[in-house]
N, C-alpha and C. Protein backbone atom coordinates (compact mmCIF):
# COMPACT_ATOMS: atom_id res chain seq x y z
N UNK A 1 81.91 105.02 14.15
CA UNK A 1 81.97 103.85 13.28
C UNK A 1 82.95 102.85 13.87
N UNK A 2 82.63 101.56 13.72
CA UNK A 2 83.45 100.49 14.23
C UNK A 2 84.14 99.75 13.08
N UNK A 3 85.45 99.54 13.24
CA UNK A 3 86.26 98.84 12.24
C UNK A 3 86.93 97.65 12.92
N UNK A 4 86.80 96.48 12.33
CA UNK A 4 87.45 95.28 12.83
C UNK A 4 88.48 94.81 11.82
N UNK A 5 89.71 94.58 12.28
CA UNK A 5 90.79 94.09 11.43
C UNK A 5 91.19 92.71 11.93
N UNK A 6 91.04 91.69 11.07
CA UNK A 6 91.40 90.33 11.46
C UNK A 6 92.38 89.70 10.47
N UNK A 7 93.26 90.51 9.94
CA UNK A 7 94.26 90.01 9.00
C UNK A 7 95.26 89.10 9.71
N UNK A 8 95.88 88.26 8.92
CA UNK A 8 96.98 87.44 9.37
C UNK A 8 98.11 87.66 8.37
N UNK A 9 99.32 87.73 8.77
CA UNK A 9 99.88 87.55 10.09
C UNK A 9 99.61 88.75 11.01
N UNK A 10 99.96 88.54 12.27
CA UNK A 10 99.70 89.55 13.31
C UNK A 10 100.31 90.91 12.98
N UNK A 11 101.50 90.93 12.40
CA UNK A 11 102.15 92.20 12.07
C UNK A 11 101.30 93.00 11.07
N UNK A 12 100.72 92.35 10.07
CA UNK A 12 99.85 93.04 9.11
C UNK A 12 98.64 93.60 9.83
N UNK A 13 98.03 92.76 10.67
CA UNK A 13 96.82 93.15 11.40
C UNK A 13 97.08 94.38 12.24
N UNK A 14 98.16 94.35 13.01
CA UNK A 14 98.47 95.47 13.90
C UNK A 14 98.83 96.73 13.11
N UNK A 15 99.58 96.57 12.02
CA UNK A 15 99.97 97.74 11.22
C UNK A 15 98.75 98.40 10.57
N UNK A 16 97.85 97.60 10.03
CA UNK A 16 96.65 98.15 9.39
C UNK A 16 95.74 98.81 10.43
N UNK A 17 95.52 98.15 11.55
CA UNK A 17 94.67 98.73 12.60
C UNK A 17 95.26 100.04 13.12
N UNK A 18 96.57 100.07 13.34
CA UNK A 18 97.23 101.28 13.81
C UNK A 18 97.14 102.40 12.79
N UNK A 19 97.32 102.07 11.53
CA UNK A 19 97.24 103.08 10.47
C UNK A 19 95.84 103.70 10.40
N UNK A 20 94.82 102.86 10.47
CA UNK A 20 93.45 103.38 10.46
C UNK A 20 93.22 104.26 11.68
N UNK A 21 93.63 103.78 12.83
CA UNK A 21 93.43 104.53 14.08
C UNK A 21 94.14 105.88 14.05
N UNK A 22 95.37 105.90 13.58
CA UNK A 22 96.13 107.16 13.54
C UNK A 22 95.58 108.15 12.53
N UNK A 23 95.10 107.64 11.40
CA UNK A 23 94.60 108.52 10.35
C UNK A 23 93.14 108.90 10.51
N UNK A 24 92.39 108.10 11.27
CA UNK A 24 90.98 108.38 11.55
C UNK A 24 90.74 108.17 13.04
N UNK A 25 91.28 109.07 13.88
CA UNK A 25 91.26 108.84 15.33
C UNK A 25 89.87 108.79 15.97
N UNK A 26 88.86 109.27 15.31
CA UNK A 26 87.53 109.26 15.89
C UNK A 26 86.82 107.92 15.76
N UNK A 27 87.42 106.97 15.07
CA UNK A 27 86.78 105.68 14.84
C UNK A 27 87.17 104.68 15.92
N UNK A 28 86.30 103.73 16.15
CA UNK A 28 86.56 102.64 17.09
C UNK A 28 87.16 101.49 16.30
N UNK A 29 88.48 101.30 16.42
CA UNK A 29 89.20 100.29 15.65
C UNK A 29 89.65 99.19 16.59
N UNK A 30 89.36 97.96 16.20
CA UNK A 30 89.74 96.81 17.01
C UNK A 30 90.42 95.78 16.11
N UNK A 31 91.42 95.10 16.63
CA UNK A 31 92.04 94.01 15.88
C UNK A 31 91.91 92.72 16.68
N UNK A 32 91.84 91.62 15.95
CA UNK A 32 91.71 90.30 16.57
C UNK A 32 92.28 89.27 15.60
N UNK A 33 92.75 88.16 16.13
CA UNK A 33 93.22 87.08 15.25
C UNK A 33 92.06 86.53 14.42
N UNK A 34 92.35 86.02 13.24
CA UNK A 34 91.29 85.49 12.39
C UNK A 34 90.44 84.42 13.07
N UNK A 35 91.03 83.65 13.96
CA UNK A 35 90.27 82.60 14.65
C UNK A 35 89.17 83.17 15.54
N UNK A 36 89.29 84.42 15.91
CA UNK A 36 88.29 85.06 16.77
C UNK A 36 87.34 85.96 15.99
N UNK A 37 87.47 85.98 14.67
CA UNK A 37 86.68 86.88 13.84
C UNK A 37 85.18 86.69 14.01
N UNK A 38 84.72 85.45 13.98
CA UNK A 38 83.28 85.21 14.07
C UNK A 38 82.71 85.78 15.37
N UNK A 39 83.39 85.53 16.47
CA UNK A 39 82.93 86.05 17.77
C UNK A 39 82.97 87.58 17.80
N UNK A 40 84.04 88.16 17.27
CA UNK A 40 84.17 89.62 17.24
C UNK A 40 83.11 90.26 16.35
N UNK A 41 82.79 89.60 15.24
CA UNK A 41 81.74 90.12 14.36
C UNK A 41 80.41 90.17 15.09
N UNK A 42 80.17 89.18 15.91
CA UNK A 42 78.91 89.10 16.66
C UNK A 42 78.85 90.12 17.79
N UNK A 43 79.94 90.26 18.54
CA UNK A 43 79.91 91.13 19.72
C UNK A 43 80.24 92.59 19.42
N UNK A 44 81.21 92.83 18.55
CA UNK A 44 81.65 94.20 18.24
C UNK A 44 80.76 94.85 17.18
N UNK A 45 80.20 94.03 16.31
CA UNK A 45 79.30 94.48 15.24
C UNK A 45 79.89 95.63 14.42
N UNK A 46 80.99 95.36 13.73
CA UNK A 46 81.66 96.43 12.97
C UNK A 46 80.86 96.86 11.74
N UNK A 47 81.12 98.08 11.34
CA UNK A 47 80.56 98.59 10.09
C UNK A 47 81.47 98.22 8.92
N UNK A 48 82.77 98.03 9.23
CA UNK A 48 83.78 97.65 8.24
C UNK A 48 84.64 96.55 8.82
N UNK A 49 84.87 95.51 8.02
CA UNK A 49 85.73 94.39 8.44
C UNK A 49 86.83 94.24 7.40
N UNK A 50 88.09 94.27 7.85
CA UNK A 50 89.25 94.06 6.99
C UNK A 50 89.81 92.69 7.34
N UNK A 51 89.85 91.79 6.36
CA UNK A 51 90.28 90.41 6.62
C UNK A 51 90.91 89.84 5.37
N UNK A 52 91.49 88.65 5.50
CA UNK A 52 92.03 87.99 4.32
C UNK A 52 91.11 86.84 3.89
N UNK A 53 91.21 86.49 2.62
CA UNK A 53 90.29 85.50 2.06
C UNK A 53 90.55 84.09 2.55
N UNK A 54 91.67 83.84 3.17
CA UNK A 54 91.97 82.50 3.67
C UNK A 54 91.58 82.33 5.14
N UNK A 55 90.97 83.34 5.73
CA UNK A 55 90.58 83.29 7.14
C UNK A 55 89.39 82.35 7.33
N UNK A 56 89.35 81.67 8.46
CA UNK A 56 88.26 80.73 8.73
C UNK A 56 87.00 81.41 9.27
N UNK A 57 86.41 82.29 8.48
CA UNK A 57 85.22 83.01 8.91
C UNK A 57 84.04 82.54 8.06
N UNK A 58 82.98 82.03 8.68
CA UNK A 58 81.82 81.59 7.91
C UNK A 58 81.21 82.74 7.10
N UNK A 59 80.83 82.44 5.87
CA UNK A 59 80.24 83.45 4.98
C UNK A 59 79.02 84.12 5.61
N UNK A 60 78.25 83.37 6.36
CA UNK A 60 77.06 83.94 7.00
C UNK A 60 77.42 85.06 7.96
N UNK A 61 78.51 84.90 8.67
CA UNK A 61 78.95 85.95 9.60
C UNK A 61 79.41 87.18 8.84
N UNK A 62 80.02 86.98 7.68
CA UNK A 62 80.51 88.11 6.88
C UNK A 62 79.37 88.91 6.27
N UNK A 63 78.28 88.26 5.92
CA UNK A 63 77.19 88.97 5.25
C UNK A 63 76.49 89.98 6.16
N UNK A 64 76.70 89.88 7.46
CA UNK A 64 76.10 90.84 8.39
C UNK A 64 76.88 92.15 8.49
N UNK A 65 78.05 92.21 7.84
CA UNK A 65 78.89 93.41 7.89
C UNK A 65 78.64 94.23 6.63
N UNK A 66 78.22 95.50 6.77
CA UNK A 66 77.87 96.28 5.58
C UNK A 66 79.03 96.56 4.63
N UNK A 67 80.25 96.71 5.14
CA UNK A 67 81.42 96.99 4.33
C UNK A 67 82.52 96.00 4.68
N UNK A 68 83.19 95.46 3.64
CA UNK A 68 84.29 94.54 3.86
C UNK A 68 85.42 94.81 2.88
N UNK A 69 86.64 94.69 3.38
CA UNK A 69 87.82 94.66 2.52
C UNK A 69 88.47 93.32 2.76
N UNK A 70 88.50 92.52 1.70
CA UNK A 70 89.07 91.18 1.78
C UNK A 70 90.37 91.17 0.99
N UNK A 71 91.49 90.96 1.68
CA UNK A 71 92.78 90.88 1.01
C UNK A 71 92.90 89.47 0.44
N UNK A 72 93.17 89.40 -0.86
CA UNK A 72 93.14 88.13 -1.59
C UNK A 72 94.50 87.45 -1.53
N UNK A 73 94.82 86.83 -0.42
CA UNK A 73 96.09 86.11 -0.28
C UNK A 73 96.18 84.96 -1.27
N UNK A 74 95.06 84.34 -1.56
CA UNK A 74 95.05 83.17 -2.43
C UNK A 74 95.14 83.52 -3.91
N UNK A 75 95.03 84.80 -4.25
CA UNK A 75 95.01 85.17 -5.66
C UNK A 75 95.60 86.56 -5.87
N UNK A 76 96.88 86.65 -5.96
CA UNK A 76 97.59 87.86 -6.41
C UNK A 76 97.66 89.02 -5.43
N UNK A 77 97.22 88.86 -4.19
CA UNK A 77 97.29 89.93 -3.19
C UNK A 77 96.48 91.17 -3.56
N UNK A 78 95.52 91.02 -4.42
CA UNK A 78 94.62 92.13 -4.69
C UNK A 78 93.66 92.24 -3.51
N UNK A 79 92.77 93.20 -3.56
CA UNK A 79 91.77 93.34 -2.50
C UNK A 79 90.39 93.34 -3.14
N UNK A 80 89.44 92.84 -2.40
CA UNK A 80 88.04 92.82 -2.84
C UNK A 80 87.28 93.70 -1.87
N UNK A 81 86.58 94.69 -2.40
CA UNK A 81 85.77 95.59 -1.57
C UNK A 81 84.32 95.23 -1.81
N UNK A 82 83.63 94.89 -0.73
CA UNK A 82 82.22 94.50 -0.80
C UNK A 82 81.43 95.49 0.04
N UNK A 83 80.47 96.15 -0.59
CA UNK A 83 79.67 97.15 0.12
C UNK A 83 78.38 97.44 -0.62
N UNK A 84 77.31 97.56 0.14
CA UNK A 84 76.03 97.98 -0.41
C UNK A 84 75.67 97.25 -1.71
N UNK A 85 75.89 95.93 -1.73
CA UNK A 85 75.55 95.16 -2.91
C UNK A 85 76.57 95.23 -4.03
N UNK A 86 77.62 96.01 -3.85
CA UNK A 86 78.68 96.10 -4.87
C UNK A 86 79.82 95.18 -4.47
N UNK A 87 80.55 94.73 -5.47
CA UNK A 87 81.69 93.85 -5.26
C UNK A 87 82.75 94.28 -6.27
N UNK A 88 83.84 94.84 -5.78
CA UNK A 88 84.85 95.42 -6.67
C UNK A 88 86.24 94.88 -6.33
N UNK A 89 86.98 94.50 -7.35
CA UNK A 89 88.35 94.04 -7.20
C UNK A 89 89.29 95.24 -7.34
N UNK A 90 90.22 95.37 -6.40
CA UNK A 90 91.19 96.47 -6.43
C UNK A 90 92.59 95.85 -6.40
N UNK A 91 93.36 96.11 -7.43
CA UNK A 91 94.73 95.57 -7.48
C UNK A 91 95.67 96.41 -6.65
N UNK A 92 96.51 95.77 -5.87
CA UNK A 92 97.57 96.42 -5.12
C UNK A 92 97.07 97.61 -4.29
N UNK A 93 96.08 97.38 -3.45
CA UNK A 93 95.52 98.44 -2.61
C UNK A 93 96.57 98.93 -1.62
N UNK A 94 96.66 100.23 -1.48
CA UNK A 94 97.57 100.82 -0.49
C UNK A 94 96.76 101.40 0.66
N UNK A 95 97.44 101.99 1.64
CA UNK A 95 96.75 102.55 2.81
C UNK A 95 95.81 103.68 2.39
N UNK A 96 96.22 104.48 1.41
CA UNK A 96 95.33 105.55 0.91
C UNK A 96 94.03 104.98 0.37
N UNK A 97 94.11 103.89 -0.37
CA UNK A 97 92.90 103.23 -0.88
C UNK A 97 92.06 102.66 0.24
N UNK A 98 92.71 102.07 1.24
CA UNK A 98 91.98 101.54 2.38
C UNK A 98 91.28 102.66 3.14
N UNK A 99 91.97 103.77 3.34
CA UNK A 99 91.36 104.91 4.04
C UNK A 99 90.20 105.49 3.25
N UNK A 100 90.27 105.43 1.92
CA UNK A 100 89.14 105.88 1.10
C UNK A 100 87.92 104.99 1.35
N UNK A 101 88.15 103.68 1.50
CA UNK A 101 87.05 102.77 1.82
C UNK A 101 86.51 103.07 3.22
N UNK A 102 87.42 103.33 4.17
CA UNK A 102 87.01 103.69 5.53
C UNK A 102 86.12 104.92 5.49
N UNK A 103 86.53 105.93 4.73
CA UNK A 103 85.75 107.16 4.64
C UNK A 103 84.39 106.92 4.00
N UNK A 104 84.36 106.12 2.96
CA UNK A 104 83.08 105.81 2.31
C UNK A 104 82.16 105.04 3.25
N UNK A 105 82.74 104.11 4.00
CA UNK A 105 81.95 103.32 4.95
C UNK A 105 81.43 104.20 6.08
N UNK A 106 82.19 105.22 6.44
CA UNK A 106 81.78 106.11 7.52
C UNK A 106 80.50 106.85 7.16
N UNK A 107 80.36 107.19 5.90
CA UNK A 107 79.16 107.90 5.48
C UNK A 107 78.95 109.17 6.28
N UNK A 108 77.86 109.88 6.04
CA UNK A 108 77.62 111.13 6.74
C UNK A 108 77.35 111.00 8.23
N UNK A 109 76.78 109.88 8.67
CA UNK A 109 76.41 109.78 10.09
C UNK A 109 77.28 108.86 10.92
N UNK A 110 77.88 107.86 10.28
CA UNK A 110 78.60 106.86 11.06
C UNK A 110 79.87 107.41 11.72
N UNK A 111 80.54 108.34 11.10
CA UNK A 111 81.76 108.90 11.69
C UNK A 111 81.47 109.57 13.02
N UNK A 112 80.27 110.05 13.19
CA UNK A 112 79.89 110.70 14.44
C UNK A 112 79.27 109.72 15.44
N UNK A 113 79.34 108.42 15.12
CA UNK A 113 78.85 107.43 16.07
C UNK A 113 77.41 107.02 15.85
N UNK A 114 76.80 107.46 14.77
CA UNK A 114 75.42 107.08 14.49
C UNK A 114 75.44 105.75 13.72
N UNK A 115 74.29 105.30 13.31
CA UNK A 115 74.20 104.08 12.52
C UNK A 115 73.87 102.90 13.39
N UNK A 116 74.30 101.73 12.93
CA UNK A 116 73.99 100.50 13.66
C UNK A 116 74.51 100.57 15.09
N UNK A 117 73.68 100.22 16.01
CA UNK A 117 74.09 100.20 17.43
C UNK A 117 74.71 98.88 17.77
């Protein structure tokens, strides 16, 4: 499974990407600045994208990602989880909650590298 983290500031992005990588070492985790998100979404084709709601990413590019965690910088620092047609608001998400989303996004086949090529 591929995970793309494009949070800002850089320290948040690197900390979240490192945490996912250390706790789920079998996953392909990549981080990039928000300005490069659209290009990374196209070339890396992640199954999960972690980003903030103030990032300059076109909505059309986001809709191609099956799972998203959007950190709501503009509204109370909650998180919005978008997946499989569901849209859920999560207040004060911690790393455990993020890893639960990672695990759900992995599904039965994606953790082993199956799924979207």
